[in-house]
Amino acid sequence: MALNSTPVLNDHCFNKLVTKVHALTGITIKPERRAMLEGRLLKRLRALKLPDFESYIQHVNNTPDEHEEFVNTVTTNETYFYRTPRIWEYISNDFLNNWYAQNKGKTLNIWSAASSTGEEAHTIGVLMQAFKDANAGFDYRITGTDIDSSVVQKASAGLYNGRSIGRFRNEKPELFSRYMVGSDDEGYKVAKNIKQNIQFKYLNLFKPTQTDVSYSLVLLRNVLIYFTKEDQELVLRTVHKRLNQEGVLIIGESESLNNLTSDFLTLSPTIYERSNATSGAKAA
């Protein structure tokens, strides 16, 4: 490599990196995302003053402390409040009313399974609090998880501005003014009574930890597209175990469980209910 030239991600190193990403996260990076991987990791090479991708691969293999930085660099995190309005209308108008009618006096547990910087979980919180204000006996808890520890920190801080909150602010101005506090200059957070019901933590969906919590609603949106068919089914089995018997799973608008073997039944596009059979049937 010539002095001061930009390192190039060759086939050999690309394949090694793809293998490492899968081993650490379960995510499969497809060939068409090679330029994305190269661009993101170039920043790490420069930060570590490494001459090429082969040197960086050796560094990752020999330095367990680099694993977290590596995962944080290669994972994608793009989200915003009130993403896909149809989903939020379903939760507000259908799911909540049905759940509350059958579970008065109980706490609704919700899992944002790939919470990124937290916009999804905080959107849920706003909708839950609005429902609680109209139904005094209702209570809720929201858990947000992500494999990228840096975005978990941002989600926990929960400070947002600009595009992140733009759609929510424009389409639901009453909810925004009632439940978001702050300013354009300093950013906005959800109100304290919402924040106290939300927690964020690190979790690798491919290697989940044990929990005693059973969820009634799980949002796993825009995640399955990064897994192979076999790994998608593995993640879905994990989610199935953590959903209660009447639980609902919501996935991303570009995703489907069609042609996958899973114990979920279709309610409407991207919305599924937990099948209590263990037949491993394909979603219909």
C-alpha atoms as a PDB file:
ATOM      1  CA  MET A   1       0.000   0.000   0.000  1.00  0.00           C
ATOM      2  CA  ALA A   2       1.351   3.401  -0.944  1.00  0.00           C
ATOM      3  CA  LEU A   3       2.129   5.918   1.771  1.00  0.00           C
ATOM      4  CA  ASN A   4      -0.951   7.847   2.935  1.00  0.00           C
ATOM      5  CA  SER A   5      -3.243   5.940   0.545  1.00  0.00           C
ATOM      6  CA  THR A   6      -6.715   4.919   1.715  1.00  0.00           C
ATOM      7  CA  PRO A   7      -6.972   1.233   2.740  1.00  0.00           C
ATOM      8  CA  VAL A   8      -9.168  -0.904   0.499  1.00  0.00           C
ATOM      9  CA  LEU A   9     -11.428  -3.658   1.784  1.00  0.00           C
ATOM     10  CA  ASN A  10     -10.519  -6.635  -0.394  1.00  0.00           C
ATOM     11  CA  ASP A  11     -12.560  -9.822  -0.764  1.00  0.00           C
ATOM     12  CA  HIS A  12     -10.492 -11.756   1.750  1.00  0.00           C
ATOM     13  CA  CYS A  13     -10.853  -9.151   4.498  1.00  0.00           C
ATOM     14  CA  PHE A  14     -14.515  -8.534   3.700  1.00  0.00           C
ATOM     15  CA  ASN A  15     -15.307 -12.208   4.159  1.00  0.00           C
ATOM     16  CA  LYS A  16     -13.388 -12.304   7.439  1.00  0.00           C
ATOM     17  CA  LEU A  17     -15.255  -9.266   8.732  1.00  0.00           C
ATOM     18  CA  VAL A  18     -18.631 -10.683   7.696  1.00  0.00           C
ATOM     19  CA  THR A  19     -17.802 -13.870   9.586  1.00  0.00           C
ATOM     20  CA  LYS A  20     -16.786 -11.883  12.675  1.00  0.00           C
ATOM     21  CA  VAL A  21     -19.913  -9.741  12.601  1.00  0.00           C
ATOM     22  CA  HIS A  22     -22.068 -12.848  12.426  1.00  0.00           C
ATOM     23  CA  ALA A  23     -20.190 -14.548  15.249  1.00  0.00           C
ATOM     24  CA  LEU A  24     -20.657 -11.542  17.541  1.00  0.00           C
ATOM     25  CA  THR A  25     -24.167 -10.433  16.581  1.00  0.00           C
ATOM     26  CA  GLY A  26     -25.918 -12.956  14.352  1.00  0.00           C
ATOM     27  CA  ILE A  27     -26.207 -10.232  11.708  1.00  0.00           C
ATOM     28  CA  THR A  28     -25.339 -11.212   8.139  1.00  0.00           C
ATOM     29  CA  ILE A  29     -23.852  -8.406   6.051  1.00  0.00           C
ATOM     30  CA  LYS A  30     -24.665  -8.913   2.393  1.00  0.00           C
ATOM     31  CA  PRO A  31     -22.191  -8.165  -0.427  1.00  0.00           C
ATOM     32  CA  GLU A  32     -24.128  -5.083  -1.507  1.00  0.00           C
ATOM     33  CA  ARG A  33     -23.391  -3.495   1.882  1.00  0.00           C
ATOM     34  CA  ARG A  34     -19.657  -3.821   1.457  1.00  0.00           C
ATOM     35  CA  ALA A  35     -19.137  -0.108   0.809  1.00  0.00           C
ATOM     36  CA  MET A  36     -21.058   0.700   3.989  1.00  0.00           C
ATOM     37  CA  LEU A  37     -18.864  -1.644   6.033  1.00  0.00           C
ATOM     38  CA  GLU A  38     -15.686  -0.265   4.482  1.00  0.00           C
ATOM     39  CA  GLY A  39     -16.668   3.351   5.115  1.00  0.00           C
ATOM     40  CA  ARG A  40     -17.598   2.809   8.726  1.00  0.00           C
ATOM     41  CA  LEU A  41     -14.528   0.773   9.627  1.00  0.00           C
ATOM     42  CA  LEU A  42     -12.150   3.207   7.961  1.00  0.00           C
ATOM     43  CA  LYS A  43     -12.900   5.552  10.845  1.00  0.00           C
ATOM     44  CA  ARG A  44     -11.777   2.889  13.319  1.00  0.00           C
ATOM     45  CA  LEU A  45      -8.605   2.207  11.330  1.00  0.00           C
ATOM     46  CA  ARG A  46      -7.725   5.901  11.458  1.00  0.00           C
ATOM     47  CA  ALA A  47      -8.592   6.205  15.141  1.00  0.00           C
ATOM     48  CA  LEU A  48      -6.342   3.238  15.936  1.00  0.00           C
ATOM     49  CA  LYS A  49      -3.696   4.310  13.392  1.00  0.00           C
ATOM     50  CA  LEU A  50      -3.777   0.936  11.673  1.00  0.00           C
ATOM     51  CA  PRO A  51      -2.478   0.646   8.082  1.00  0.00           C
ATOM     52  CA  ASP A  52      -5.067  -1.738   6.593  1.00  0.00           C
ATOM     53  CA  PHE A  53      -8.121  -3.921   7.218  1.00  0.00           C
ATOM     54  CA  GLU A  54      -6.027  -7.038   7.811  1.00  0.00           C
ATOM     55  CA  SER A  55      -4.361  -5.270  10.736  1.00  0.00           C
ATOM     56  CA  TYR A  56      -7.752  -4.255  12.087  1.00  0.00           C
ATOM     57  CA  ILE A  57      -9.057  -7.833  11.863  1.00  0.00           C
ATOM     58  CA  GLN A  58      -6.029  -9.004  13.860  1.00  0.00           C
ATOM     59  CA  HIS A  59      -6.725  -6.260  16.382  1.00  0.00           C
ATOM     60  CA  VAL A  60     -10.367  -7.347  16.792  1.00  0.00           C
ATOM     61  CA  ASN A  61      -9.367 -11.007  17.151  1.00  0.00           C
ATOM     62  CA  ASN A  62      -6.668 -10.243  19.714  1.00  0.00           C
ATOM     63  CA  THR A  63      -8.453  -7.518  21.684  1.00  0.00           C
ATOM     64  CA  PRO A  64     -11.782  -8.505  23.254  1.00  0.00           C
ATOM     65  CA  ASP A  65     -12.271  -4.911  24.423  1.00  0.00           C
ATOM     66  CA  GLU A  66     -12.537  -3.895  20.758  1.00  0.00           C
ATOM     67  CA  HIS A  67     -15.576  -6.123  20.217  1.00  0.00           C
ATOM     68  CA  GLU A  68     -17.994  -3.567  21.621  1.00  0.00           C
ATOM     69  CA  GLU A  69     -16.564  -0.766  19.478  1.00  0.00           C
ATOM     70  CA  PHE A  70     -16.611  -3.039  16.442  1.00  0.00           C
ATOM     71  CA  VAL A  71     -20.273  -3.962  16.925  1.00  0.00           C
ATOM     72  CA  ASN A  72     -21.226  -0.341  17.598  1.00  0.00           C
ATOM     73  CA  THR A  73     -19.514   0.708  14.366  1.00  0.00           C
ATOM     74  CA  VAL A  74     -21.036  -1.850  12.010  1.00  0.00           C
ATOM     75  CA  THR A  75     -24.639  -1.865  13.245  1.00  0.00           C
ATOM     76  CA  THR A  76     -27.210   0.454  11.689  1.00  0.00           C
ATOM     77  CA  ASN A  77     -29.270   2.814  13.843  1.00  0.00           C
ATOM     78  CA  GLU A  78     -31.807   5.030  12.123  1.00  0.00           C
ATOM     79  CA  THR A  79     -35.114   5.772  13.789  1.00  0.00           C
ATOM     80  CA  TYR A  80     -37.457   8.556  14.746  1.00  0.00           C
ATOM     81  CA  PHE A  81     -40.637   9.202  16.722  1.00  0.00           C
ATOM     82  CA  TYR A  82     -43.963   7.940  15.365  1.00  0.00           C
ATOM     83  CA  ARG A  83     -42.383   5.908  12.580  1.00  0.00           C
ATOM     84  CA  THR A  84     -45.049   4.099  10.491  1.00  0.00           C
ATOM     85  CA  PRO A  85     -48.219   5.813  11.813  1.00  0.00           C
ATOM     86  CA  ARG A  86     -50.389   2.761  10.972  1.00  0.00           C
ATOM     87  CA  ILE A  87     -48.632   0.812  13.720  1.00  0.00           C
ATOM     88  CA  TRP A  88     -49.272   3.444  16.346  1.00  0.00           C
ATOM     89  CA  GLU A  89     -52.919   3.761  15.345  1.00  0.00           C
ATOM     90  CA  TYR A  90     -53.296  -0.002  15.764  1.00  0.00           C
ATOM     91  CA  ILE A  91     -51.708   0.100  19.210  1.00  0.00           C
ATOM     92  CA  SER A  92     -53.814   3.072  20.348  1.00  0.00           C
ATOM     93  CA  ASN A  93     -57.150   2.070  18.843  1.00  0.00           C
ATOM     94  CA  ASP A  94     -57.122  -1.727  18.873  1.00  0.00           C
ATOM     95  CA  PHE A  95     -54.421  -3.361  20.938  1.00  0.00           C
ATOM     96  CA  LEU A  96     -54.709  -1.220  24.070  1.00  0.00           C
ATOM     97  CA  ASN A  97     -58.485  -1.411  24.321  1.00  0.00           C
ATOM     98  CA  ASN A  98     -58.486  -5.185  23.856  1.00  0.00           C
ATOM     99  CA  TRP A  99     -55.655  -5.750  26.320  1.00  0.00           C
ATOM    100  CA  TYR A 100     -57.140  -3.496  28.992  1.00  0.00           C
ATOM    101  CA  ALA A 101     -60.582  -5.097  28.761  1.00  0.00           C
ATOM    102  CA  GLN A 102     -59.036  -8.491  29.534  1.00  0.00           C
ATOM    103  CA  ASN A 103     -56.321  -7.447  31.986  1.00  0.00           C
ATOM    104  CA  LYS A 104     -57.650  -4.746  34.310  1.00  0.00           C
ATOM    105  CA  GLY A 105     -55.463  -4.376  37.368  1.00  0.00           C
ATOM    106  CA  LYS A 106     -52.406  -5.812  35.608  1.00  0.00           C
ATOM    107  CA  THR A 107     -49.293  -4.067  34.293  1.00  0.00           C
ATOM    108  CA  LEU A 108     -48.744  -4.056  30.536  1.00  0.00           C
ATOM    109  CA  ASN A 109     -45.139  -5.062  29.752  1.00  0.00           C
ATOM    110  CA  ILE A 110     -43.773  -3.959  26.382  1.00  0.00           C
ATOM    111  CA  TRP A 111     -40.442  -4.772  24.753  1.00  0.00           C
ATOM    112  CA  SER A 112     -38.815  -2.569  22.117  1.00  0.00           C
ATOM    113  CA  ALA A 113     -36.397  -5.267  21.035  1.00  0.00           C
ATOM    114  CA  ALA A 114     -34.115  -3.174  18.818  1.00  0.00           C
ATOM    115  CA  SER A 115     -34.603   0.199  20.433  1.00  0.00           C
ATOM    116  CA  SER A 116     -31.663   2.037  18.827  1.00  0.00           C
ATOM    117  CA  THR A 117     -31.553   5.596  20.202  1.00  0.00           C
ATOM    118  CA  GLY A 118     -34.917   5.185  21.908  1.00  0.00           C
ATOM    119  CA  GLU A 119     -37.419   7.031  19.734  1.00  0.00           C
ATOM    120  CA  GLU A 120     -39.622   3.955  19.380  1.00  0.00           C
ATOM    121  CA  ALA A 121     -39.727   3.205  23.106  1.00  0.00           C
ATOM    122  CA  HIS A 122     -40.459   6.825  23.948  1.00  0.00           C
ATOM    123  CA  THR A 123     -43.224   6.958  21.326  1.00  0.00           C
ATOM    124  CA  ILE A 124     -44.746   3.913  23.019  1.00  0.00           C
ATOM    125  CA  GLY A 125     -44.408   5.683  26.355  1.00  0.00           C
ATOM    126  CA  VAL A 126     -46.345   8.718  25.134  1.00  0.00           C
ATOM    127  CA  LEU A 127     -49.177   6.542  23.815  1.00  0.00           C
ATOM    128  CA  MET A 128     -49.261   4.479  27.008  1.00  0.00           C
ATOM    129  CA  GLN A 129     -49.377   7.569  29.206  1.00  0.00           C
ATOM    130  CA  ALA A 130     -52.202   9.060  27.140  1.00  0.00           C
ATOM    131  CA  PHE A 131     -54.147   5.842  27.640  1.00  0.00           C
ATOM    132  CA  LYS A 132     -53.337   5.797  31.348  1.00  0.00           C
ATOM    133  CA  ASP A 133     -54.559   9.367  31.764  1.00  0.00           C
ATOM    134  CA  ALA A 134     -57.889   8.236  30.333  1.00  0.00           C
ATOM    135  CA  ASN A 135     -57.966   4.957  32.275  1.00  0.00           C
ATOM    136  CA  ALA A 136     -56.854   5.406  35.878  1.00  0.00           C
ATOM    137  CA  GLY A 137     -56.413   1.685  36.567  1.00  0.00           C
ATOM    138  CA  PHE A 138     -53.958   1.156  33.727  1.00  0.00           C
ATOM    139  CA  ASP A 139     -50.196   0.806  34.240  1.00  0.00           C
ATOM    140  CA  TYR A 140     -47.302  -0.026  31.945  1.00  0.00           C
ATOM    141  CA  ARG A 141     -43.585  -0.789  31.796  1.00  0.00           C
ATOM    142  CA  ILE A 142     -41.379  -0.517  28.690  1.00  0.00           C
ATOM    143  CA  THR A 143     -38.024  -2.207  28.149  1.00  0.00           C
ATOM    144  CA  GLY A 144     -35.810  -1.103  25.284  1.00  0.00           C
ATOM    145  CA  THR A 145     -32.829  -3.227  24.241  1.00  0.00           C
ATOM    146  CA  ASP A 146     -30.129  -2.927  21.606  1.00  0.00           C
ATOM    147  CA  ILE A 147     -26.841  -4.579  20.688  1.00  0.00           C
ATOM    148  CA  ASP A 148     -25.105  -1.200  20.255  1.00  0.00           C
ATOM    149  CA  SER A 149     -24.062   0.015  23.703  1.00  0.00           C
ATOM    150  CA  SER A 150     -23.522   3.581  22.474  1.00  0.00           C
ATOM    151  CA  VAL A 151     -27.135   3.976  21.336  1.00  0.00           C
ATOM    152  CA  VAL A 152     -28.369   2.417  24.582  1.00  0.00           C
ATOM    153  CA  GLN A 153     -26.665   5.319  26.358  1.00  0.00           C
ATOM    154  CA  LYS A 154     -28.319   7.832  24.030  1.00  0.00           C
ATOM    155  CA  ALA A 155     -31.696   6.184  24.519  1.00  0.00           C
ATOM    156  CA  SER A 156     -31.296   6.335  28.290  1.00  0.00           C
ATOM    157  CA  ALA A 157     -30.519  10.051  28.057  1.00  0.00           C
ATOM    158  CA  GLY A 158     -33.589  10.445  25.849  1.00  0.00           C
ATOM    159  CA  LEU A 159     -32.889  13.919  24.445  1.00  0.00           C
ATOM    160  CA  TYR A 160     -34.181  14.538  20.922  1.00  0.00           C
ATOM    161  CA  ASN A 161     -34.500  17.289  18.324  1.00  0.00           C
ATOM    162  CA  GLY A 162     -34.813  17.940  14.598  1.00  0.00           C
ATOM    163  CA  ARG A 163     -35.838  15.163  12.223  1.00  0.00           C
ATOM    164  CA  SER A 164     -36.021  12.644  15.052  1.00  0.00           C
ATOM    165  CA  ILE A 165     -39.169  14.236  16.438  1.00  0.00           C
ATOM    166  CA  GLY A 166     -40.395  16.147  13.373  1.00  0.00           C
ATOM    167  CA  ARG A 167     -43.130  13.782  12.199  1.00  0.00           C
ATOM    168  CA  PHE A 168     -44.479  13.252  15.709  1.00  0.00           C
ATOM    169  CA  ARG A 169     -44.569  16.971  16.371  1.00  0.00           C
ATOM    170  CA  ASN A 170     -46.390  17.698  13.104  1.00  0.00           C
ATOM    171  CA  GLU A 171     -48.871  14.822  13.084  1.00  0.00           C
ATOM    172  CA  LYS A 172     -49.686  14.622  16.803  1.00  0.00           C
ATOM    173  CA  PRO A 173     -49.271  18.207  18.080  1.00  0.00           C
ATOM    174  CA  GLU A 174     -51.580  17.697  21.078  1.00  0.00           C
ATOM    175  CA  LEU A 175     -49.700  14.640  22.305  1.00  0.00           C
ATOM    176  CA  PHE A 176     -46.384  16.374  21.660  1.00  0.00           C
ATOM    177  CA  SER A 177     -47.282  19.462  23.646  1.00  0.00           C
ATOM    178  CA  ARG A 178     -48.759  17.420  26.496  1.00  0.00           C
ATOM    179  CA  TYR A 179     -46.044  14.808  26.949  1.00  0.00           C
ATOM    180  CA  MET A 180     -42.794  16.261  25.578  1.00  0.00           C
ATOM    181  CA  VAL A 181     -40.839  18.818  27.593  1.00  0.00           C
ATOM    182  CA  GLY A 182     -37.934  21.010  26.490  1.00  0.00           C
ATOM    183  CA  SER A 183     -37.151  23.478  23.733  1.00  0.00           C
ATOM    184  CA  ASP A 184     -35.913  23.641  20.145  1.00  0.00           C
ATOM    185  CA  ASP A 185     -32.534  24.869  21.358  1.00  0.00           C
ATOM    186  CA  GLU A 186     -31.934  22.286  24.090  1.00  0.00           C
ATOM    187  CA  GLY A 187     -33.962  19.380  22.711  1.00  0.00           C
ATOM    188  CA  TYR A 188     -36.988  17.510  24.018  1.00  0.00           C
ATOM    189  CA  LYS A 189     -37.553  14.647  26.458  1.00  0.00           C
ATOM    190  CA  VAL A 190     -40.663  12.755  27.436  1.00  0.00           C
ATOM    191  CA  ALA A 191     -42.307  13.921  30.656  1.00  0.00           C
ATOM    192  CA  LYS A 192     -40.921  12.504  33.898  1.00  0.00           C
ATOM    193  CA  ASN A 193     -43.979  10.340  34.605  1.00  0.00           C
ATOM    194  CA  ILE A 194     -43.344   8.567  31.278  1.00  0.00           C
ATOM    195  CA  LYS A 195     -39.575   8.329  31.663  1.00  0.00           C
ATOM    196  CA  GLN A 196     -39.865   6.518  34.981  1.00  0.00           C
ATOM    197  CA  ASN A 197     -41.665   3.652  33.210  1.00  0.00           C
ATOM    198  CA  ILE A 198     -38.979   3.083  30.563  1.00  0.00           C
ATOM    199  CA  GLN A 199     -35.633   1.342  30.931  1.00  0.00           C
ATOM    200  CA  PHE A 200     -32.937   0.630  28.359  1.00  0.00           C
ATOM    201  CA  LYS A 201     -30.280  -2.060  28.428  1.00  0.00           C
ATOM    202  CA  TYR A 202     -27.823  -3.911  26.216  1.00  0.00           C
ATOM    203  CA  LEU A 203     -29.020  -7.183  24.671  1.00  0.00           C
ATOM    204  CA  ASN A 204     -27.791  -9.377  21.831  1.00  0.00           C
ATOM    205  CA  LEU A 205     -30.908 -10.966  20.319  1.00  0.00           C
ATOM    206  CA  PHE A 206     -28.746 -13.718  18.905  1.00  0.00           C
ATOM    207  CA  LYS A 207     -27.467 -14.618  22.371  1.00  0.00           C
ATOM    208  CA  PRO A 208     -30.281 -13.543  24.715  1.00  0.00           C
ATOM    209  CA  THR A 209     -30.057 -13.554  28.479  1.00  0.00           C
ATOM    210  CA  GLN A 210     -32.660 -15.168  30.684  1.00  0.00           C
ATOM    211  CA  THR A 211     -35.496 -13.061  32.065  1.00  0.00           C
ATOM    212  CA  ASP A 212     -38.623 -13.694  34.105  1.00  0.00           C
ATOM    213  CA  VAL A 213     -40.535 -10.912  32.345  1.00  0.00           C
ATOM    214  CA  SER A 214     -43.347 -11.939  30.004  1.00  0.00           C
ATOM    215  CA  TYR A 215     -44.339  -9.330  27.441  1.00  0.00           C
ATOM    216  CA  SER A 216     -47.744  -8.628  25.915  1.00  0.00           C
ATOM    217  CA  LEU A 217     -46.350  -6.513  23.083  1.00  0.00           C
ATOM    218  CA  VAL A 218     -42.995  -6.826  21.319  1.00  0.00           C
ATOM    219  CA  LEU A 219     -41.753  -4.493  18.597  1.00  0.00           C
ATOM    220  CA  LEU A 220     -38.998  -6.073  16.506  1.00  0.00           C
ATOM    221  CA  ARG A 221     -38.990  -3.632  13.622  1.00  0.00           C
ATOM    222  CA  ASN A 222     -36.437  -3.430  10.818  1.00  0.00           C
ATOM    223  CA  VAL A 223     -34.204  -6.043  12.421  1.00  0.00           C
ATOM    224  CA  LEU A 224     -34.983  -9.349  10.724  1.00  0.00           C
ATOM    225  CA  ILE A 225     -33.735  -8.009   7.386  1.00  0.00           C
ATOM    226  CA  TYR A 226     -30.184  -8.218   8.760  1.00  0.00           C
ATOM    227  CA  PHE A 227     -30.399 -11.957   9.505  1.00  0.00           C
ATOM    228  CA  THR A 228     -30.362 -15.061   7.351  1.00  0.00           C
ATOM    229  CA  LYS A 229     -33.541 -17.145   7.207  1.00  0.00           C
ATOM    230  CA  GLU A 230     -32.188 -19.587   9.798  1.00  0.00           C
ATOM    231  CA  ASP A 231     -31.144 -16.800  12.153  1.00  0.00           C
ATOM    232  CA  GLN A 232     -34.472 -15.015  11.680  1.00  0.00           C
ATOM    233  CA  GLU A 233     -36.211 -18.154  12.880  1.00  0.00           C
ATOM    234  CA  LEU A 234     -33.847 -18.395  15.836  1.00  0.00           C
ATOM    235  CA  VAL A 235     -34.658 -14.819  16.890  1.00  0.00           C
ATOM    236  CA  LEU A 236     -38.386 -15.447  16.443  1.00  0.00           C
ATOM    237  CA  ARG A 237     -38.189 -18.469  18.737  1.00  0.00           C
ATOM    238  CA  THR A 238     -36.560 -16.254  21.353  1.00  0.00           C
ATOM    239  CA  VAL A 239     -39.302 -13.643  21.012  1.00  0.00           C
ATOM    240  CA  HIS A 240     -42.008 -16.310  21.137  1.00  0.00           C
ATOM    241  CA  LYS A 241     -40.706 -17.544  24.481  1.00  0.00           C
ATOM    242  CA  ARG A 242     -40.831 -14.031  25.936  1.00  0.00           C
ATOM    243  CA  LEU A 243     -44.357 -13.236  24.747  1.00  0.00           C
ATOM    244  CA  ASN A 244     -47.291 -14.180  26.946  1.00  0.00           C
ATOM    245  CA  GLN A 245     -50.105 -16.306  25.539  1.00  0.00           C
ATOM    246  CA  GLU A 246     -52.061 -13.349  24.166  1.00  0.00           C
ATOM    247  CA  GLY A 247     -48.959 -11.501  23.024  1.00  0.00           C
ATOM    248  CA  VAL A 248     -48.583  -9.477  19.836  1.00  0.00           C
ATOM    249  CA  LEU A 249     -45.432  -9.056  17.711  1.00  0.00           C
ATOM    250  CA  ILE A 250     -44.915  -6.105  15.364  1.00  0.00           C
ATOM    251  CA  ILE A 251     -42.161  -6.153  12.732  1.00  0.00           C
ATOM    252  CA  GLY A 252     -40.950  -3.613  10.164  1.00  0.00           C
ATOM    253  CA  GLU A 253     -42.872  -2.522   7.094  1.00  0.00           C
ATOM    254  CA  SER A 254     -40.237  -4.035   4.790  1.00  0.00           C
ATOM    255  CA  GLU A 255     -40.348  -7.384   6.600  1.00  0.00           C
ATOM    256  CA  SER A 256     -42.613 -10.422   6.629  1.00  0.00           C
ATOM    257  CA  LEU A 257     -42.803 -13.777   8.367  1.00  0.00           C
ATOM    258  CA  ASN A 258     -44.089 -15.405   5.192  1.00  0.00           C
ATOM    259  CA  ASN A 259     -41.911 -18.350   4.193  1.00  0.00           C
ATOM    260  CA  LEU A 260     -40.451 -18.523   7.702  1.00  0.00           C
ATOM    261  CA  THR A 261     -41.146 -21.345  10.116  1.00  0.00           C
ATOM    262  CA  SER A 262     -42.443 -19.701  13.283  1.00  0.00           C
ATOM    263  CA  ASP A 263     -45.221 -19.919  15.853  1.00  0.00           C
ATOM    264  CA  PHE A 264     -46.911 -16.653  14.873  1.00  0.00           C
ATOM    265  CA  LEU A 265     -50.222 -16.016  13.134  1.00  0.00           C
ATOM    266  CA  THR A 266     -50.889 -12.986  10.947  1.00  0.00           C
ATOM    267  CA  LEU A 267     -53.316 -10.353  12.234  1.00  0.00           C
ATOM    268  CA  SER A 268     -52.507  -7.826   9.503  1.00  0.00           C
ATOM    269  CA  PRO A 269     -49.374  -6.870   7.541  1.00  0.00           C
ATOM    270  CA  THR A 270     -46.416  -6.617   9.983  1.00  0.00           C
ATOM    271  CA  ILE A 271     -48.648  -7.486  12.977  1.00  0.00           C
ATOM    272  CA  TYR A 272     -48.709 -11.027  14.376  1.00  0.00           C
ATOM    273  CA  GLU A 273     -50.140 -12.828  17.372  1.00  0.00           C
ATOM    274  CA  ARG A 274     -48.425 -15.558  19.311  1.00  0.00           C
ATOM    275  CA  SER A 275     -49.620 -19.029  18.423  1.00  0.00           C
ATOM    276  CA  ASN A 276     -49.742 -21.225  21.516  1.00  0.00           C
ATOM    277  CA  ALA A 277     -49.083 -24.316  19.450  1.00  0.00           C
ATOM    278  CA  THR A 278     -45.492 -25.377  18.933  1.00  0.00           C
ATOM    279  CA  SER A 279     -46.024 -26.695  15.461  1.00  0.00           C
ATOM    280  CA  GLY A 280     -43.413 -24.509  13.810  1.00  0.00           C
ATOM    281  CA  ALA A 281     -45.964 -23.571  11.178  1.00  0.00           C
ATOM    282  CA  LYS A 282     -45.344 -20.902   8.588  1.00  0.00           C
ATOM    283  CA  ALA A 283     -47.103 -17.582   9.210  1.00  0.00           C
ATOM    284  CA  ALA A 284     -50.132 -17.204   6.981  1.00  0.00           C
END
